[in-house]
Amino acid sequence: MVDLTWVTVQDEVDWQALSELYRIAPLGNKPAKNLEIVFSNSMYKCFVYAGDQLVGVGRALADGLDCSYICDIAIHPEFQGIKLGKAIVDHLVEKSQGHKKIILYANPGKEGFYQKLGFHPMKTAMAIFADHAQAVTSGIIAE
């Protein structure tokens, strides 16, 4: 087993390396400058390293009382299957304790993974996406 280092501050994050991690995970193209903004605005975050290599990440956008939204979980392909994703979600859920609700947005096909971690499907979730057509095409929302 590889020795992993967990970091919960973003002082030393290489945003370009983080962007590349999302690309190869594969979770799409997320520009480095955008990632710096969203992580800076997130109450909870974790970066997992194997040596100097960023291999896992996640964040929770939280208000401190009502809602914590866990998102942007990504695991390097070479580190998938070792329960690192579960560990990151568990860490963010633990940090989010005390909020009335913890919400997680799952990519289509990943719902079962998150249900095993204690999340339940919502009946009332609604969304407005900047790229509506892409959200429909990818199966995230229905027309």
C-alpha atoms as a PDB file:
ATOM      1  CA  MET A   1       0.000   0.000   0.000  1.00  0.00           C
ATOM      2  CA  VAL A   2       1.262   3.447  -0.910  1.00  0.00           C
ATOM      3  CA  ASP A   3       1.765   5.953   1.888  1.00  0.00           C
ATOM      4  CA  LEU A   4      -0.746   8.788   1.376  1.00  0.00           C
ATOM      5  CA  THR A   5      -0.577  12.298   2.782  1.00  0.00           C
ATOM      6  CA  TRP A   6      -3.802  14.203   3.459  1.00  0.00           C
ATOM      7  CA  VAL A   7      -3.807  18.001   3.260  1.00  0.00           C
ATOM      8  CA  THR A   8      -6.812  20.150   4.179  1.00  0.00           C
ATOM      9  CA  VAL A   9      -5.470  23.553   3.148  1.00  0.00           C
ATOM     10  CA  GLN A  10      -4.784  24.755  -0.364  1.00  0.00           C
ATOM     11  CA  ASP A  11      -1.648  26.824   0.255  1.00  0.00           C
ATOM     12  CA  GLU A  12       0.618  24.560  -1.803  1.00  0.00           C
ATOM     13  CA  VAL A  13      -1.853  23.237  -4.393  1.00  0.00           C
ATOM     14  CA  ASP A  14      -0.653  23.097  -7.980  1.00  0.00           C
ATOM     15  CA  TRP A  15      -3.891  24.132  -9.682  1.00  0.00           C
ATOM     16  CA  GLN A  16      -2.706  22.892 -13.076  1.00  0.00           C
ATOM     17  CA  ALA A  17      -2.024  19.439 -11.581  1.00  0.00           C
ATOM     18  CA  LEU A  18      -5.507  19.494 -10.069  1.00  0.00           C
ATOM     19  CA  SER A  19      -7.001  20.375 -13.450  1.00  0.00           C
ATOM     20  CA  GLU A  20      -5.119  17.444 -14.986  1.00  0.00           C
ATOM     21  CA  LEU A  21      -6.407  15.106 -12.257  1.00  0.00           C
ATOM     22  CA  TYR A  22     -10.012  15.973 -13.154  1.00  0.00           C
ATOM     23  CA  ARG A  23      -9.232  15.419 -16.837  1.00  0.00           C
ATOM     24  CA  ILE A  24      -7.773  11.930 -16.349  1.00  0.00           C
ATOM     25  CA  ALA A  25     -10.201  10.823 -13.606  1.00  0.00           C
ATOM     26  CA  PRO A  26     -12.142  11.369 -16.058  1.00  0.00           C
ATOM     27  CA  LEU A  27     -14.440  14.132 -14.824  1.00  0.00           C
ATOM     28  CA  GLY A  28     -14.118  16.682 -17.596  1.00  0.00           C
ATOM     29  CA  ASN A  29     -12.086  19.772 -18.265  1.00  0.00           C
ATOM     30  CA  LYS A  30     -11.915  22.139 -15.313  1.00  0.00           C
ATOM     31  CA  PRO A  31      -9.588  25.106 -15.844  1.00  0.00           C
ATOM     32  CA  ALA A  32      -6.984  25.646 -13.111  1.00  0.00           C
ATOM     33  CA  LYS A  33      -8.093  29.234 -12.446  1.00  0.00           C
ATOM     34  CA  ASN A  34     -11.706  28.077 -11.959  1.00  0.00           C
ATOM     35  CA  LEU A  35     -10.635  25.346  -9.566  1.00  0.00           C
ATOM     36  CA  GLU A  36      -8.723  27.849  -7.462  1.00  0.00           C
ATOM     37  CA  ILE A  37     -11.872  29.964  -7.163  1.00  0.00           C
ATOM     38  CA  VAL A  38     -14.235  27.131  -6.206  1.00  0.00           C
ATOM     39  CA  PHE A  39     -11.835  25.536  -3.733  1.00  0.00           C
ATOM     40  CA  SER A  40     -11.111  28.929  -2.164  1.00  0.00           C
ATOM     41  CA  ASN A  41     -14.836  29.390  -1.605  1.00  0.00           C
ATOM     42  CA  SER A  42     -15.341  25.923  -0.100  1.00  0.00           C
ATOM     43  CA  MET A  43     -15.410  25.527   3.671  1.00  0.00           C
ATOM     44  CA  TYR A  44     -13.971  21.994   3.630  1.00  0.00           C
ATOM     45  CA  LYS A  45     -11.458  20.496   1.222  1.00  0.00           C
ATOM     46  CA  CYS A  46      -8.951  17.707   1.079  1.00  0.00           C
ATOM     47  CA  PHE A  47      -6.072  16.923  -1.209  1.00  0.00           C
ATOM     48  CA  VAL A  48      -4.476  13.484  -1.081  1.00  0.00           C
ATOM     49  CA  TYR A  49      -0.893  12.968  -2.232  1.00  0.00           C
ATOM     50  CA  ALA A  50       1.262   9.914  -2.941  1.00  0.00           C
ATOM     51  CA  GLY A  51       4.657  11.524  -2.538  1.00  0.00           C
ATOM     52  CA  ASP A  52       4.451  14.717  -4.601  1.00  0.00           C
ATOM     53  CA  GLN A  53       1.683  13.412  -6.859  1.00  0.00           C
ATOM     54  CA  LEU A  54      -1.894  14.615  -6.299  1.00  0.00           C
ATOM     55  CA  VAL A  55      -4.009  11.436  -6.413  1.00  0.00           C
ATOM     56  CA  GLY A  56      -7.319  12.381  -4.786  1.00  0.00           C
ATOM     57  CA  VAL A  57      -9.380  15.435  -4.014  1.00  0.00           C
ATOM     58  CA  GLY A  58     -12.770  16.584  -2.780  1.00  0.00           C
ATOM     59  CA  ARG A  59     -14.500  19.616  -1.368  1.00  0.00           C
ATOM     60  CA  ALA A  60     -17.653  20.687   0.436  1.00  0.00           C
ATOM     61  CA  LEU A  61     -19.316  24.027  -0.093  1.00  0.00           C
ATOM     62  CA  ALA A  62     -20.910  24.661   3.299  1.00  0.00           C
ATOM     63  CA  ASP A  63     -22.598  27.486   5.183  1.00  0.00           C
ATOM     64  CA  GLY A  64     -21.744  26.269   8.691  1.00  0.00           C
ATOM     65  CA  LEU A  65     -25.259  25.321   9.781  1.00  0.00           C
ATOM     66  CA  ASP A  66     -27.920  24.506   7.206  1.00  0.00           C
ATOM     67  CA  CYS A  67     -26.337  22.857   4.182  1.00  0.00           C
ATOM     68  CA  SER A  68     -23.074  21.259   3.132  1.00  0.00           C
ATOM     69  CA  TYR A  69     -22.749  20.279  -0.520  1.00  0.00           C
ATOM     70  CA  ILE A  70     -20.056  17.679  -1.185  1.00  0.00           C
ATOM     71  CA  CYS A  71     -18.694  17.803  -4.708  1.00  0.00           C
ATOM     72  CA  ASP A  72     -15.747  17.476  -7.063  1.00  0.00           C
ATOM     73  CA  ILE A  73     -14.512  14.121  -5.747  1.00  0.00           C
ATOM     74  CA  ALA A  74     -11.782  12.891  -8.097  1.00  0.00           C
ATOM     75  CA  ILE A  75      -9.364   9.977  -7.855  1.00  0.00           C
ATOM     76  CA  HIS A  76      -6.358   9.351 -10.099  1.00  0.00           C
ATOM     77  CA  PRO A  77      -7.060   6.243 -12.235  1.00  0.00           C
ATOM     78  CA  GLU A  78      -4.056   4.409 -10.760  1.00  0.00           C
ATOM     79  CA  PHE A  79      -5.504   4.898  -7.263  1.00  0.00           C
ATOM     80  CA  GLN A  80      -9.109   3.974  -8.002  1.00  0.00           C
ATOM     81  CA  GLY A  81     -10.376   0.793  -6.377  1.00  0.00           C
ATOM     82  CA  ILE A  82      -8.487   1.239  -3.078  1.00  0.00           C
ATOM     83  CA  LYS A  83     -11.392   2.989  -1.302  1.00  0.00           C
ATOM     84  CA  LEU A  84      -9.767   6.414  -1.529  1.00  0.00           C
ATOM     85  CA  GLY A  85     -12.977   7.955  -2.881  1.00  0.00           C
ATOM     86  CA  LYS A  86     -14.897   6.524   0.069  1.00  0.00           C
ATOM     87  CA  ALA A  87     -12.286   7.880   2.478  1.00  0.00           C
ATOM     88  CA  ILE A  88     -12.526  11.373   0.957  1.00  0.00           C
ATOM     89  CA  VAL A  89     -16.339  11.362   1.129  1.00  0.00           C
ATOM     90  CA  ASP A  90     -16.227  10.060   4.712  1.00  0.00           C
ATOM     91  CA  HIS A  91     -13.792  12.851   5.637  1.00  0.00           C
ATOM     92  CA  LEU A  92     -16.036  15.532   4.112  1.00  0.00           C
ATOM     93  CA  VAL A  93     -19.153  14.057   5.748  1.00  0.00           C
ATOM     94  CA  GLU A  94     -17.374  14.090   9.097  1.00  0.00           C
ATOM     95  CA  LYS A  95     -16.348  17.730   8.612  1.00  0.00           C
ATOM     96  CA  SER A  96     -19.940  18.559   7.621  1.00  0.00           C
ATOM     97  CA  GLN A  97     -21.499  17.136  10.793  1.00  0.00           C
ATOM     98  CA  GLY A  98     -23.774  19.665  12.451  1.00  0.00           C
ATOM     99  CA  HIS A  99     -25.331  20.797   9.174  1.00  0.00           C
ATOM    100  CA  LYS A 100     -29.050  20.060   8.826  1.00  0.00           C
ATOM    101  CA  LYS A 101     -28.416  18.407   5.490  1.00  0.00           C
ATOM    102  CA  ILE A 102     -25.444  17.100   3.558  1.00  0.00           C
ATOM    103  CA  ILE A 103     -26.076  16.992  -0.163  1.00  0.00           C
ATOM    104  CA  LEU A 104     -24.016  15.259  -2.808  1.00  0.00           C
ATOM    105  CA  TYR A 105     -24.402  15.543  -6.547  1.00  0.00           C
ATOM    106  CA  ALA A 106     -23.549  12.231  -8.278  1.00  0.00           C
ATOM    107  CA  ASN A 107     -22.645  11.715 -11.910  1.00  0.00           C
ATOM    108  CA  PRO A 108     -25.065   9.358 -13.694  1.00  0.00           C
ATOM    109  CA  GLY A 109     -24.125   5.756 -12.943  1.00  0.00           C
ATOM    110  CA  LYS A 110     -22.372   6.581  -9.662  1.00  0.00           C
ATOM    111  CA  GLU A 111     -25.506   6.750  -7.506  1.00  0.00           C
ATOM    112  CA  GLY A 112     -25.012   3.240  -6.090  1.00  0.00           C
ATOM    113  CA  PHE A 113     -21.544   4.115  -4.810  1.00  0.00           C
ATOM    114  CA  TYR A 114     -22.888   7.072  -2.851  1.00  0.00           C
ATOM    115  CA  GLN A 115     -25.912   5.140  -1.586  1.00  0.00           C
ATOM    116  CA  LYS A 116     -23.470   2.665  -0.001  1.00  0.00           C
ATOM    117  CA  LEU A 117     -21.982   5.658   1.841  1.00  0.00           C
ATOM    118  CA  GLY A 118     -25.346   6.620   3.344  1.00  0.00           C
ATOM    119  CA  PHE A 119     -26.720   9.083   0.783  1.00  0.00           C
ATOM    120  CA  HIS A 120     -30.336   8.800  -0.351  1.00  0.00           C
ATOM    121  CA  PRO A 121     -31.920   9.887  -3.642  1.00  0.00           C
ATOM    122  CA  MET A 122     -33.835  13.151  -3.373  1.00  0.00           C
ATOM    123  CA  LYS A 123     -37.305  13.527  -4.829  1.00  0.00           C
ATOM    124  CA  THR A 124     -37.311  17.311  -4.982  1.00  0.00           C
ATOM    125  CA  ALA A 125     -33.910  18.276  -6.360  1.00  0.00           C
ATOM    126  CA  MET A 126     -34.047  20.810  -9.170  1.00  0.00           C
ATOM    127  CA  ALA A 127     -31.296  22.546 -11.111  1.00  0.00           C
ATOM    128  CA  ILE A 128     -30.510  25.229 -13.644  1.00  0.00           C
ATOM    129  CA  PHE A 129     -27.358  24.496 -15.655  1.00  0.00           C
ATOM    130  CA  ALA A 130     -25.340  27.019 -17.637  1.00  0.00           C
ATOM    131  CA  ASP A 131     -25.149  24.423 -20.443  1.00  0.00           C
ATOM    132  CA  HIS A 132     -28.641  22.955 -20.390  1.00  0.00           C
ATOM    133  CA  ALA A 133     -28.172  20.880 -23.540  1.00  0.00           C
ATOM    134  CA  GLN A 134     -24.997  19.234 -22.188  1.00  0.00           C
ATOM    135  CA  ALA A 135     -26.741  18.432 -18.883  1.00  0.00           C
ATOM    136  CA  VAL A 136     -29.550  16.715 -20.803  1.00  0.00           C
ATOM    137  CA  THR A 137     -27.147  14.872 -23.130  1.00  0.00           C
ATOM    138  CA  SER A 138     -25.061  13.555 -20.233  1.00  0.00           C
ATOM    139  CA  GLY A 139     -28.151  12.333 -18.383  1.00  0.00           C
ATOM    140  CA  ILE A 140     -27.816  14.706 -15.447  1.00  0.00           C
ATOM    141  CA  ILE A 141     -31.259  16.246 -15.988  1.00  0.00           C
ATOM    142  CA  ALA A 142     -34.355  15.336 -17.962  1.00  0.00           C
ATOM    143  CA  GLU A 143     -36.244  17.627 -20.293  1.00  0.00           C
END
